[in-house]
């Protein structure tokens, strides 16, 4: 029995490609790329012109087993401080096909809170 079923990850990948058509990170304004797994969140600062990752942070090292909005905001603040040490003031936020709501919005707020323009 064959079933053609659209999966959640396929839909997210389509949305991510749609978003990535419009976003690109430059040396002056790099792209913050976000990936969410079931348990962790990963962030990367990417210069798309050179294809290099400038900085990254993840929730793997945290002691908590699950991420909530408060921990996501702390992760965003930590990443924003790491970015500002590199001398970057502005970034482009790539939500990775996820809805800009909850943990994703909390990360962006945390980055803004640390003085980076998103």
C-alpha atoms as a PDB file:
ATOM      1  CA  UNK A   1       0.000   0.000   0.000  1.00  0.00           C
ATOM      2  CA  UNK A   2       1.576   3.240  -1.177  1.00  0.00           C
ATOM      3  CA  UNK A   3       0.860   6.450   0.615  1.00  0.00           C
ATOM      4  CA  UNK A   4       2.017   9.863  -0.471  1.00  0.00           C
ATOM      5  CA  UNK A   5       2.215  11.822   2.731  1.00  0.00           C
ATOM      6  CA  UNK A   6       3.799  15.210   3.199  1.00  0.00           C
ATOM      7  CA  UNK A   7       5.920  15.223   6.283  1.00  0.00           C
ATOM      8  CA  UNK A   8       6.563  18.054   8.653  1.00  0.00           C
ATOM      9  CA  UNK A   9      10.243  18.244   7.754  1.00  0.00           C
ATOM     10  CA  UNK A  10       9.471  18.399   4.019  1.00  0.00           C
ATOM     11  CA  UNK A  11       7.152  21.366   4.611  1.00  0.00           C
ATOM     12  CA  UNK A  12       9.770  23.089   6.760  1.00  0.00           C
ATOM     13  CA  UNK A  13      12.412  22.548   4.084  1.00  0.00           C
ATOM     14  CA  UNK A  14      10.148  24.117   1.456  1.00  0.00           C
ATOM     15  CA  UNK A  15       9.503  27.135   3.692  1.00  0.00           C
ATOM     16  CA  UNK A  16      13.219  27.433   4.436  1.00  0.00           C
ATOM     17  CA  UNK A  17      14.065  27.504   0.717  1.00  0.00           C
ATOM     18  CA  UNK A  18      11.416  30.181   0.171  1.00  0.00           C
ATOM     19  CA  UNK A  19      12.889  32.298   2.959  1.00  0.00           C
ATOM     20  CA  UNK A  20      16.484  31.736   1.792  1.00  0.00           C
ATOM     21  CA  UNK A  21      15.653  33.069  -1.691  1.00  0.00           C
ATOM     22  CA  UNK A  22      15.234  36.506  -0.130  1.00  0.00           C
ATOM     23  CA  UNK A  23      17.928  36.415   2.577  1.00  0.00           C
ATOM     24  CA  UNK A  24      21.683  36.522   2.179  1.00  0.00           C
ATOM     25  CA  UNK A  25      24.392  37.318   4.691  1.00  0.00           C
ATOM     26  CA  UNK A  26      27.161  39.718   3.745  1.00  0.00           C
ATOM     27  CA  UNK A  27      30.385  40.581   5.503  1.00  0.00           C
ATOM     28  CA  UNK A  28      28.791  43.742   6.944  1.00  0.00           C
ATOM     29  CA  UNK A  29      25.498  42.070   7.854  1.00  0.00           C
ATOM     30  CA  UNK A  30      25.924  38.287   8.245  1.00  0.00           C
ATOM     31  CA  UNK A  31      23.061  35.812   8.490  1.00  0.00           C
ATOM     32  CA  UNK A  32      22.017  34.164  11.760  1.00  0.00           C
ATOM     33  CA  UNK A  33      20.825  30.681  10.836  1.00  0.00           C
ATOM     34  CA  UNK A  34      18.627  28.756  13.258  1.00  0.00           C
ATOM     35  CA  UNK A  35      17.947  25.018  13.493  1.00  0.00           C
ATOM     36  CA  UNK A  36      15.652  23.386  16.025  1.00  0.00           C
ATOM     37  CA  UNK A  37      15.708  19.701  16.808  1.00  0.00           C
ATOM     38  CA  UNK A  38      13.322  18.026  19.225  1.00  0.00           C
ATOM     39  CA  UNK A  39      15.641  18.686  22.171  1.00  0.00           C
ATOM     40  CA  UNK A  40      18.166  21.378  21.170  1.00  0.00           C
ATOM     41  CA  UNK A  41      18.589  24.627  19.275  1.00  0.00           C
ATOM     42  CA  UNK A  42      21.597  25.503  17.126  1.00  0.00           C
ATOM     43  CA  UNK A  43      22.600  28.974  15.906  1.00  0.00           C
ATOM     44  CA  UNK A  44      25.248  29.943  13.358  1.00  0.00           C
ATOM     45  CA  UNK A  45      26.521  33.287  12.114  1.00  0.00           C
ATOM     46  CA  UNK A  46      27.242  32.888   8.395  1.00  0.00           C
ATOM     47  CA  UNK A  47      28.907  35.099   5.780  1.00  0.00           C
ATOM     48  CA  UNK A  48      27.281  33.838   2.562  1.00  0.00           C
ATOM     49  CA  UNK A  49      29.665  35.699   0.248  1.00  0.00           C
ATOM     50  CA  UNK A  50      32.623  33.654   1.453  1.00  0.00           C
ATOM     51  CA  UNK A  51      30.627  30.640   2.658  1.00  0.00           C
ATOM     52  CA  UNK A  52      32.131  30.767   6.143  1.00  0.00           C
ATOM     53  CA  UNK A  53      30.658  30.260   9.582  1.00  0.00           C
ATOM     54  CA  UNK A  54      31.863  33.115  11.782  1.00  0.00           C
ATOM     55  CA  UNK A  55      30.400  31.958  15.110  1.00  0.00           C
ATOM     56  CA  UNK A  56      28.117  29.266  16.456  1.00  0.00           C
ATOM     57  CA  UNK A  57      26.368  28.308  19.668  1.00  0.00           C
ATOM     58  CA  UNK A  58      24.000  25.513  20.676  1.00  0.00           C
ATOM     59  CA  UNK A  59      22.007  24.373  23.653  1.00  0.00           C
ATOM     60  CA  UNK A  60      23.880  21.055  23.816  1.00  0.00           C
ATOM     61  CA  UNK A  61      26.014  22.170  26.747  1.00  0.00           C
ATOM     62  CA  UNK A  62      23.094  23.301  28.893  1.00  0.00           C
ATOM     63  CA  UNK A  63      22.129  21.153  31.864  1.00  0.00           C
ATOM     64  CA  UNK A  64      18.417  21.173  31.041  1.00  0.00           C
ATOM     65  CA  UNK A  65      16.872  18.348  29.064  1.00  0.00           C
ATOM     66  CA  UNK A  66      14.380  20.541  27.216  1.00  0.00           C
ATOM     67  CA  UNK A  67      14.396  24.065  25.853  1.00  0.00           C
ATOM     68  CA  UNK A  68      11.736  26.573  26.810  1.00  0.00           C
ATOM     69  CA  UNK A  69      11.299  30.248  25.938  1.00  0.00           C
ATOM     70  CA  UNK A  70      13.376  31.494  28.880  1.00  0.00           C
ATOM     71  CA  UNK A  71      16.320  29.257  28.010  1.00  0.00           C
ATOM     72  CA  UNK A  72      15.962  30.212  24.347  1.00  0.00           C
ATOM     73  CA  UNK A  73      16.203  33.891  25.258  1.00  0.00           C
ATOM     74  CA  UNK A  74      19.339  33.218  27.342  1.00  0.00           C
ATOM     75  CA  UNK A  75      20.834  31.368  24.368  1.00  0.00           C
ATOM     76  CA  UNK A  76      20.039  34.378  22.159  1.00  0.00           C
ATOM     77  CA  UNK A  77      21.691  36.773  24.629  1.00  0.00           C
ATOM     78  CA  UNK A  78      24.767  34.530  24.823  1.00  0.00           C
ATOM     79  CA  UNK A  79      24.967  34.389  21.019  1.00  0.00           C
ATOM     80  CA  UNK A  80      24.482  38.168  20.759  1.00  0.00           C
ATOM     81  CA  UNK A  81      27.391  38.764  23.132  1.00  0.00           C
ATOM     82  CA  UNK A  82      29.536  36.395  21.072  1.00  0.00           C
ATOM     83  CA  UNK A  83      28.590  38.316  17.912  1.00  0.00           C
ATOM     84  CA  UNK A  84      29.342  41.712  19.436  1.00  0.00           C
ATOM     85  CA  UNK A  85      32.846  40.518  20.399  1.00  0.00           C
ATOM     86  CA  UNK A  86      33.444  40.030  16.680  1.00  0.00           C
ATOM     87  CA  UNK A  87      32.537  43.699  16.107  1.00  0.00           C
ATOM     88  CA  UNK A  88      29.277  43.029  14.253  1.00  0.00           C
ATOM     89  CA  UNK A  89      26.352  45.373  14.942  1.00  0.00           C
ATOM     90  CA  UNK A  90      23.706  44.162  12.447  1.00  0.00           C
ATOM     91  CA  UNK A  91      22.580  40.693  11.371  1.00  0.00           C
ATOM     92  CA  UNK A  92      19.937  39.125   9.135  1.00  0.00           C
ATOM     93  CA  UNK A  93      17.773  36.600  11.014  1.00  0.00           C
ATOM     94  CA  UNK A  94      17.044  33.377   9.106  1.00  0.00           C
ATOM     95  CA  UNK A  95      14.279  31.569  10.973  1.00  0.00           C
ATOM     96  CA  UNK A  96      14.965  28.367   9.043  1.00  0.00           C
ATOM     97  CA  UNK A  97      11.389  27.723   7.947  1.00  0.00           C
ATOM     98  CA  UNK A  98      10.061  27.756  11.512  1.00  0.00           C
ATOM     99  CA  UNK A  99       7.255  30.077  12.558  1.00  0.00           C
ATOM    100  CA  UNK A 100       8.433  33.326  14.145  1.00  0.00           C
ATOM    101  CA  UNK A 101       6.735  32.460  17.418  1.00  0.00           C
ATOM    102  CA  UNK A 102       7.691  31.088  20.817  1.00  0.00           C
ATOM    103  CA  UNK A 103      11.299  29.892  21.043  1.00  0.00           C
ATOM    104  CA  UNK A 104      12.315  31.382  17.672  1.00  0.00           C
ATOM    105  CA  UNK A 105      11.009  34.826  18.611  1.00  0.00           C
ATOM    106  CA  UNK A 106      12.633  34.527  22.060  1.00  0.00           C
ATOM    107  CA  UNK A 107      16.026  33.880  20.450  1.00  0.00           C
ATOM    108  CA  UNK A 108      15.652  36.946  18.215  1.00  0.00           C
ATOM    109  CA  UNK A 109      14.631  39.036  21.245  1.00  0.00           C
ATOM    110  CA  UNK A 110      17.669  37.787  23.158  1.00  0.00           C
ATOM    111  CA  UNK A 111      19.972  38.773  20.299  1.00  0.00           C
ATOM    112  CA  UNK A 112      18.358  42.240  20.209  1.00  0.00           C
ATOM    113  CA  UNK A 113      18.701  42.528  23.976  1.00  0.00           C
ATOM    114  CA  UNK A 114      22.463  42.133  23.705  1.00  0.00           C
ATOM    115  CA  UNK A 115      22.696  45.191  21.426  1.00  0.00           C
ATOM    116  CA  UNK A 116      22.631  43.607  17.962  1.00  0.00           C
ATOM    117  CA  UNK A 117      20.236  44.990  15.350  1.00  0.00           C
ATOM    118  CA  UNK A 118      18.151  42.158  13.871  1.00  0.00           C
END
